[in-house]
PDB file of all heavy atoms in Angstrom:
ATOM      1  N   PHE A   1      64.765 102.915  86.197  1.00  0.00           N
ATOM      2  CA  PHE A   1      65.646 102.889  87.459  1.00  0.00           C
ATOM      3  C   PHE A   1      66.024 104.316  87.552  1.00  0.00           C
ATOM      4  O   PHE A   1      66.390 104.998  86.669  1.00  0.00           O
ATOM      5  CB  PHE A   1      66.886 101.990  87.111  1.00  0.00           C
ATOM      6  CG  PHE A   1      66.527 100.626  86.789  1.00  0.00           C
ATOM      7  CD1 PHE A   1      66.349 100.296  85.487  1.00  0.00           C
ATOM      8  CD2 PHE A   1      66.386  99.613  87.705  1.00  0.00           C
ATOM      9  CE1 PHE A   1      65.949  98.976  85.089  1.00  0.00           C
ATOM     10  CE2 PHE A   1      66.116  98.397  87.350  1.00  0.00           C
ATOM     11  CZ  PHE A   1      65.838  98.083  86.027  1.00  0.00           C
ATOM     12  N   THR A   2      65.986 104.810  88.859  1.00  0.00           N
ATOM     13  CA  THR A   2      66.526 106.185  89.258  1.00  0.00           C
ATOM     14  C   THR A   2      67.722 106.028  89.886  1.00  0.00           C
ATOM     15  O   THR A   2      68.070 105.275  90.844  1.00  0.00           O
ATOM     16  CB  THR A   2      65.407 106.762  90.224  1.00  0.00           C
ATOM     17  OG1 THR A   2      64.177 106.729  89.590  1.00  0.00           O
ATOM     18  CG2 THR A   2      65.868 108.156  90.598  1.00  0.00           C
ATOM     19  N   HIS A   3      68.675 106.866  89.320  1.00  0.00           N
ATOM     20  CA  HIS A   3      70.119 106.930  89.872  1.00  0.00           C
ATOM     21  C   HIS A   3      70.063 108.241  90.685  1.00  0.00           C
ATOM     22  O   HIS A   3      70.105 109.299  90.106  1.00  0.00           O
ATOM     23  CB  HIS A   3      71.147 106.992  88.802  1.00  0.00           C
ATOM     24  CG  HIS A   3      72.571 107.033  89.359  1.00  0.00           C
ATOM     25  ND1 HIS A   3      73.191 105.894  89.814  1.00  0.00           N
ATOM     26  CD2 HIS A   3      73.328 108.093  89.452  1.00  0.00           C
ATOM     27  CE1 HIS A   3      74.418 106.347  90.185  1.00  0.00           C
ATOM     28  NE2 HIS A   3      74.492 107.631  89.941  1.00  0.00           N
ATOM     29  N   ARG A   4      70.398 108.192  91.909  1.00  0.00           N
ATOM     30  CA  ARG A   4      70.397 109.381  92.848  1.00  0.00           C
ATOM     31  C   ARG A   4      71.759 109.572  93.554  1.00  0.00           C
ATOM     32  O   ARG A   4      71.943 110.492  94.180  1.00  0.00           O
ATOM     33  CB  ARG A   4      69.288 109.283  93.903  1.00  0.00           C
ATOM     34  CG  ARG A   4      67.980 109.483  93.326  1.00  0.00           C
ATOM     35  CD  ARG A   4      66.954 109.633  94.431  1.00  0.00           C
ATOM     36  NE  ARG A   4      65.572 109.846  93.905  1.00  0.00           N
ATOM     37  CZ  ARG A   4      64.677 108.883  93.786  1.00  0.00           C
ATOM     38  NH1 ARG A   4      64.920 107.655  94.184  1.00  0.00           N
ATOM     39  NH2 ARG A   4      63.500 109.105  93.350  1.00  0.00           N
ATOM     40  N   ASP A   5      72.641 108.583  93.334  1.00  0.00           N
ATOM     41  CA  ASP A   5      73.961 108.610  93.946  1.00  0.00           C
ATOM     42  C   ASP A   5      74.875 109.553  93.279  1.00  0.00           C
ATOM     43  O   ASP A   5      74.654 110.066  92.163  1.00  0.00           O
ATOM     44  CB  ASP A   5      74.585 107.275  94.054  1.00  0.00           C
ATOM     45  CG  ASP A   5      73.716 106.357  95.021  1.00  0.00           C
ATOM     46  OD1 ASP A   5      73.005 106.960  95.950  1.00  0.00           O
ATOM     47  OD2 ASP A   5      73.778 105.151  94.857  1.00  0.00           O
ATOM     48  N   HIS A   6      76.023 109.724  93.775  1.00  0.00           N
ATOM     49  CA  HIS A   6      77.069 110.371  93.198  1.00  0.00           C
ATOM     50  C   HIS A   6      77.373 109.925  91.772  1.00  0.00           C
ATOM     51  O   HIS A   6      77.273 108.659  91.494  1.00  0.00           O
ATOM     52  CB  HIS A   6      78.420 110.297  94.031  1.00  0.00           C
ATOM     53  CG  HIS A   6      79.555 111.219  93.609  1.00  0.00           C
ATOM     54  ND1 HIS A   6      80.410 110.989  92.621  1.00  0.00           N
ATOM     55  CD2 HIS A   6      79.752 112.499  94.122  1.00  0.00           C
ATOM     56  CE1 HIS A   6      81.181 111.958  92.448  1.00  0.00           C
ATOM     57  NE2 HIS A   6      80.917 112.885  93.322  1.00  0.00           N
ATOM     58  N   ILE A   7      77.658 110.778  90.806  1.00  0.00           N
ATOM     59  CA  ILE A   7      77.833 110.400  89.407  1.00  0.00           C
ATOM     60  C   ILE A   7      78.984 109.366  89.235  1.00  0.00           C
ATOM     61  O   ILE A   7      79.032 108.587  88.387  1.00  0.00           O
ATOM     62  CB  ILE A   7      78.239 111.594  88.605  1.00  0.00           C
ATOM     63  CG1 ILE A   7      78.163 111.414  87.125  1.00  0.00           C
ATOM     64  CG2 ILE A   7      79.543 112.309  88.933  1.00  0.00           C
ATOM     65  CD1 ILE A   7      76.844 110.914  86.549  1.00  0.00           C
ATOM     66  N   SER A   8      79.919 109.262  90.187  1.00  0.00           N
ATOM     67  CA  SER A   8      81.100 108.315  90.027  1.00  0.00           C
ATOM     68  C   SER A   8      80.545 106.970  90.130  1.00  0.00           C
ATOM     69  O   SER A   8      81.171 106.079  89.894  1.00  0.00           O
ATOM     70  CB  SER A   8      82.029 108.662  91.115  1.00  0.00           C
ATOM     71  OG  SER A   8      81.525 108.429  92.459  1.00  0.00           O
ATOM     72  N   THR A   9      79.347 106.725  90.712  1.00  0.00           N
ATOM     73  CA  THR A   9      78.743 105.405  90.874  1.00  0.00           C
ATOM     74  C   THR A   9      77.886 104.917  89.736  1.00  0.00           C
ATOM     75  O   THR A   9      77.211 103.874  89.846  1.00  0.00           O
ATOM     76  CB  THR A   9      77.971 105.244  92.260  1.00  0.00           C
ATOM     77  OG1 THR A   9      76.810 106.141  92.146  1.00  0.00           O
ATOM     78  CG2 THR A   9      78.852 105.629  93.367  1.00  0.00           C
ATOM     79  N   ILE A  10      77.802 105.687  88.630  1.00  0.00           N
ATOM     80  CA  ILE A  10      76.876 105.286  87.555  1.00  0.00           C
ATOM     81  C   ILE A  10      77.179 103.958  86.900  1.00  0.00           C
ATOM     82  O   ILE A  10      76.335 103.163  86.612  1.00  0.00           O
ATOM     83  CB  ILE A  10      76.867 106.501  86.551  1.00  0.00           C
ATOM     84  CG1 ILE A  10      75.667 106.113  85.513  1.00  0.00           C
ATOM     85  CG2 ILE A  10      78.198 106.630  85.839  1.00  0.00           C
ATOM     86  CD1 ILE A  10      74.337 106.072  86.005  1.00  0.00           C
ATOM     87  N   ARG A  11      78.482 103.677  86.872  1.00  0.00           N
ATOM     88  CA  ARG A  11      78.914 102.302  86.302  1.00  0.00           C
ATOM     89  C   ARG A  11      78.379 101.243  87.202  1.00  0.00           C
ATOM     90  O   ARG A  11      77.928 100.245  86.644  1.00  0.00           O
ATOM     91  CB  ARG A  11      80.457 102.132  86.243  1.00  0.00           C
ATOM     92  CG  ARG A  11      80.991 102.827  85.144  1.00  0.00           C
ATOM     93  CD  ARG A  11      82.614 102.551  85.018  1.00  0.00           C
ATOM     94  NE  ARG A  11      83.168 103.308  84.084  1.00  0.00           N
ATOM     95  CZ  ARG A  11      83.758 102.817  82.947  1.00  0.00           C
ATOM     96  NH1 ARG A  11      83.622 101.531  82.746  1.00  0.00           N
ATOM     97  NH2 ARG A  11      84.205 103.562  82.014  1.00  0.00           N
ATOM     98  N   ARG A  12      78.273 101.382  88.426  1.00  0.00           N
ATOM     99  CA  ARG A  12      77.795 100.311  89.315  1.00  0.00           C
ATOM    100  C   ARG A  12      76.272 100.217  89.085  1.00  0.00           C
ATOM    101  O   ARG A  12      75.795  98.978  89.072  1.00  0.00           O
ATOM    102  CB  ARG A  12      78.068 100.687  90.841  1.00  0.00           C
ATOM    103  CG  ARG A  12      77.533  99.629  91.751  1.00  0.00           C
ATOM    104  CD  ARG A  12      77.951  99.913  93.217  1.00  0.00           C
ATOM    105  NE  ARG A  12      77.365 101.258  93.609  1.00  0.00           N
ATOM    106  CZ  ARG A  12      77.878 101.936  94.606  1.00  0.00           C
ATOM    107  NH1 ARG A  12      78.850 101.592  95.195  1.00  0.00           N
ATOM    108  NH2 ARG A  12      77.324 103.082  94.858  1.00  0.00           N
ATOM    109  N   THR A  13      75.597 101.240  88.930  1.00  0.00           N
ATOM    110  CA  THR A  13      74.085 101.227  88.743  1.00  0.00           C
ATOM    111  C   THR A  13      73.976 100.529  87.420  1.00  0.00           C
ATOM    112  O   THR A  13      72.968  99.548  87.233  1.00  0.00           O
ATOM    113  CB  THR A  13      73.554 102.731  88.663  1.00  0.00           C
ATOM    114  OG1 THR A  13      73.631 103.312  89.900  1.00  0.00           O
ATOM    115  CG2 THR A  13      72.057 102.628  88.349  1.00  0.00           C
ATOM    116  N   VAL A  14      74.617 100.973  86.241  1.00  0.00           N
ATOM    117  CA  VAL A  14      74.332 100.290  84.976  1.00  0.00           C
ATOM    118  C   VAL A  14      74.756  98.888  85.067  1.00  0.00           C
ATOM    119  O   VAL A  14      73.985  97.982  84.545  1.00  0.00           O
ATOM    120  CB  VAL A  14      75.055 101.018  83.926  1.00  0.00           C
ATOM    121  CG1 VAL A  14      75.167 100.298  82.596  1.00  0.00           C
ATOM    122  CG2 VAL A  14      74.514 102.420  83.772  1.00  0.00           C
ATOM    123  N   ASN A  15      75.716  98.457  85.681  1.00  0.00           N
ATOM    124  CA  ASN A  15      76.232  97.067  85.885  1.00  0.00           C
ATOM    125  C   ASN A  15      75.139  96.280  86.597  1.00  0.00           C
ATOM    126  O   ASN A  15      74.754  95.157  86.125  1.00  0.00           O
ATOM    127  CB  ASN A  15      77.556  96.996  86.589  1.00  0.00           C
ATOM    128  CG  ASN A  15      78.006  95.539  86.744  1.00  0.00           C
ATOM    129  OD1 ASN A  15      78.100  94.810  85.830  1.00  0.00           O
ATOM    130  ND2 ASN A  15      78.139  95.128  88.024  1.00  0.00           N
ATOM    131  N   THR A  16      74.654  96.837  87.654  1.00  0.00           N
ATOM    132  CA  THR A  16      73.593  96.180  88.474  1.00  0.00           C
ATOM    133  C   THR A  16      72.303  95.929  87.591  1.00  0.00           C
ATOM    134  O   THR A  16      71.703  94.887  87.621  1.00  0.00           O
ATOM    135  CB  THR A  16      73.216  97.033  89.632  1.00  0.00           C
ATOM    136  OG1 THR A  16      74.389  97.153  90.556  1.00  0.00           O
ATOM    137  CG2 THR A  16      72.073  96.316  90.500  1.00  0.00           C
ATOM    138  N   ILE A  17      71.881  96.908  86.831  1.00  0.00           N
ATOM    139  CA  ILE A  17      70.680  96.769  85.935  1.00  0.00           C
ATOM    140  C   ILE A  17      70.971  95.546  84.989  1.00  0.00           C
ATOM    141  O   ILE A  17      70.191  94.669  84.911  1.00  0.00           O
ATOM    142  CB  ILE A  17      70.527  98.051  85.305  1.00  0.00           C
ATOM    143  CG1 ILE A  17      70.014  99.118  86.197  1.00  0.00           C
ATOM    144  CG2 ILE A  17      69.396  97.781  84.089  1.00  0.00           C
ATOM    145  CD1 ILE A  17      69.860 100.548  85.557  1.00  0.00           C
ATOM    146  N   TRP A  18      72.060  95.655  84.258  1.00  0.00           N
ATOM    147  CA  TRP A  18      72.253  94.655  83.104  1.00  0.00           C
ATOM    148  C   TRP A  18      72.687  93.333  83.473  1.00  0.00           C
ATOM    149  O   TRP A  18      72.308  92.348  82.962  1.00  0.00           O
ATOM    150  CB  TRP A  18      73.153  95.158  82.017  1.00  0.00           C
ATOM    151  CG  TRP A  18      72.538  96.373  81.205  1.00  0.00           C
ATOM    152  CD1 TRP A  18      72.692  97.760  81.462  1.00  0.00           C
ATOM    153  CD2 TRP A  18      71.651  96.251  80.209  1.00  0.00           C
ATOM    154  NE1 TRP A  18      71.979  98.376  80.632  1.00  0.00           N
ATOM    155  CE2 TRP A  18      71.322  97.529  79.767  1.00  0.00           C
ATOM    156  CE3 TRP A  18      71.149  95.168  79.516  1.00  0.00           C
ATOM    157  CZ2 TRP A  18      70.440  97.815  78.676  1.00  0.00           C
ATOM    158  CZ3 TRP A  18      70.284  95.385  78.470  1.00  0.00           C
ATOM    159  CH2 TRP A  18      69.973  96.768  78.027  1.00  0.00           C
ATOM    160  N   ASN A  19      73.553  93.237  84.512  1.00  0.00           N
ATOM    161  CA  ASN A  19      74.118  91.945  85.030  1.00  0.00           C
ATOM    162  C   ASN A  19      73.484  91.252  86.108  1.00  0.00           C
ATOM    163  O   ASN A  19      73.825  90.155  86.376  1.00  0.00           O
ATOM    164  CB  ASN A  19      75.632  92.292  85.350  1.00  0.00           C
ATOM    165  CG  ASN A  19      76.425  92.591  84.063  1.00  0.00           C
ATOM    166  OD1 ASN A  19      76.072  92.063  82.879  1.00  0.00           O
ATOM    167  ND2 ASN A  19      77.166  93.554  84.109  1.00  0.00           N
ATOM    168  N   HIS A  20      72.662  91.989  86.872  1.00  0.00           N
ATOM    169  CA  HIS A  20      71.928  91.364  88.073  1.00  0.00           C
ATOM    170  C   HIS A  20      70.401  91.417  87.969  1.00  0.00           C
ATOM    171  O   HIS A  20      69.714  90.420  88.083  1.00  0.00           O
ATOM    172  CB  HIS A  20      72.551  92.074  89.324  1.00  0.00           C
ATOM    173  CG  HIS A  20      73.910  91.892  89.489  1.00  0.00           C
ATOM    174  ND1 HIS A  20      74.561  90.705  89.966  1.00  0.00           N
ATOM    175  CD2 HIS A  20      74.961  92.689  89.205  1.00  0.00           C
ATOM    176  CE1 HIS A  20      75.874  90.831  90.037  1.00  0.00           C
ATOM    177  NE2 HIS A  20      76.142  92.080  89.540  1.00  0.00           N
ATOM    178  N   TRP A  21      70.003  92.780  87.840  1.00  0.00           N
ATOM    179  CA  TRP A  21      68.430  92.869  87.846  1.00  0.00           C
ATOM    180  C   TRP A  21      67.777  92.126  86.647  1.00  0.00           C
ATOM    181  O   TRP A  21      66.892  91.300  86.753  1.00  0.00           O
ATOM    182  CB  TRP A  21      67.997  94.336  87.875  1.00  0.00           C
ATOM    183  CG  TRP A  21      66.559  94.394  87.896  1.00  0.00           C
ATOM    184  CD1 TRP A  21      65.790  94.324  88.993  1.00  0.00           C
ATOM    185  CD2 TRP A  21      65.676  94.445  86.844  1.00  0.00           C
ATOM    186  NE1 TRP A  21      64.471  94.421  88.687  1.00  0.00           N
ATOM    187  CE2 TRP A  21      64.327  94.443  87.315  1.00  0.00           C
ATOM    188  CE3 TRP A  21      65.856  94.492  85.382  1.00  0.00           C
ATOM    189  CZ2 TRP A  21      63.219  94.521  86.509  1.00  0.00           C
ATOM    190  CZ3 TRP A  21      64.705  94.624  84.607  1.00  0.00           C
ATOM    191  CH2 TRP A  21      63.364  94.517  85.184  1.00  0.00           C
ATOM    192  N   LEU A  22      68.319  92.478  85.464  1.00  0.00           N
ATOM    193  CA  LEU A  22      67.652  91.932  84.240  1.00  0.00           C
ATOM    194  C   LEU A  22      67.687  90.355  84.228  1.00  0.00           C
ATOM    195  O   LEU A  22      66.655  89.799  83.992  1.00  0.00           O
ATOM    196  CB  LEU A  22      68.326  92.516  82.922  1.00  0.00           C
ATOM    197  CG  LEU A  22      67.621  92.324  81.586  1.00  0.00           C
ATOM    198  CD1 LEU A  22      66.171  92.782  81.648  1.00  0.00           C
ATOM    199  CD2 LEU A  22      68.322  92.957  80.464  1.00  0.00           C
ATOM    200  N   PRO A  23      68.867  89.779  84.394  1.00  0.00           N
ATOM    201  CA  PRO A  23      68.758  88.292  84.413  1.00  0.00           C
ATOM    202  C   PRO A  23      67.948  87.642  85.516  1.00  0.00           C
ATOM    203  O   PRO A  23      67.325  86.624  85.347  1.00  0.00           O
ATOM    204  CB  PRO A  23      70.254  87.891  84.624  1.00  0.00           C
ATOM    205  CG  PRO A  23      71.090  89.065  84.211  1.00  0.00           C
ATOM    206  CD  PRO A  23      70.251  90.225  84.473  1.00  0.00           C
ATOM    207  N   ALA A  24      67.900  88.249  86.612  1.00  0.00           N
ATOM    208  CA  ALA A  24      67.015  87.666  87.704  1.00  0.00           C
ATOM    209  C   ALA A  24      65.537  88.200  87.598  1.00  0.00           C
ATOM    210  O   ALA A  24      64.682  87.486  88.300  1.00  0.00           O
ATOM    211  CB  ALA A  24      67.584  88.401  89.045  1.00  0.00           C
ATOM    212  N   SER A  25      65.189  89.007  86.743  1.00  0.00           N
ATOM    213  CA  SER A  25      63.857  89.545  86.701  1.00  0.00           C
ATOM    214  C   SER A  25      62.889  88.746  85.925  1.00  0.00           C
ATOM    215  O   SER A  25      61.616  88.839  86.090  1.00  0.00           O
ATOM    216  CB  SER A  25      63.872  90.996  86.072  1.00  0.00           C
ATOM    217  OG  SER A  25      64.159  90.905  84.703  1.00  0.00           O
ATOM    218  N   GLY A  26      63.316  87.816  85.037  1.00  0.00           N
ATOM    219  CA  GLY A  26      62.434  87.114  84.116  1.00  0.00           C
ATOM    220  C   GLY A  26      62.180  87.871  82.885  1.00  0.00           C
ATOM    221  O   GLY A  26      61.476  87.344  82.000  1.00  0.00           O
TER     222      GLY A  26
END
């Protein structure tokens, strides 16, 4: 996953990976 947004949004990126993408990905 590439994070290109402001550093203040890193928690949102990590949360999306672990709590949304990973469970939905199979």
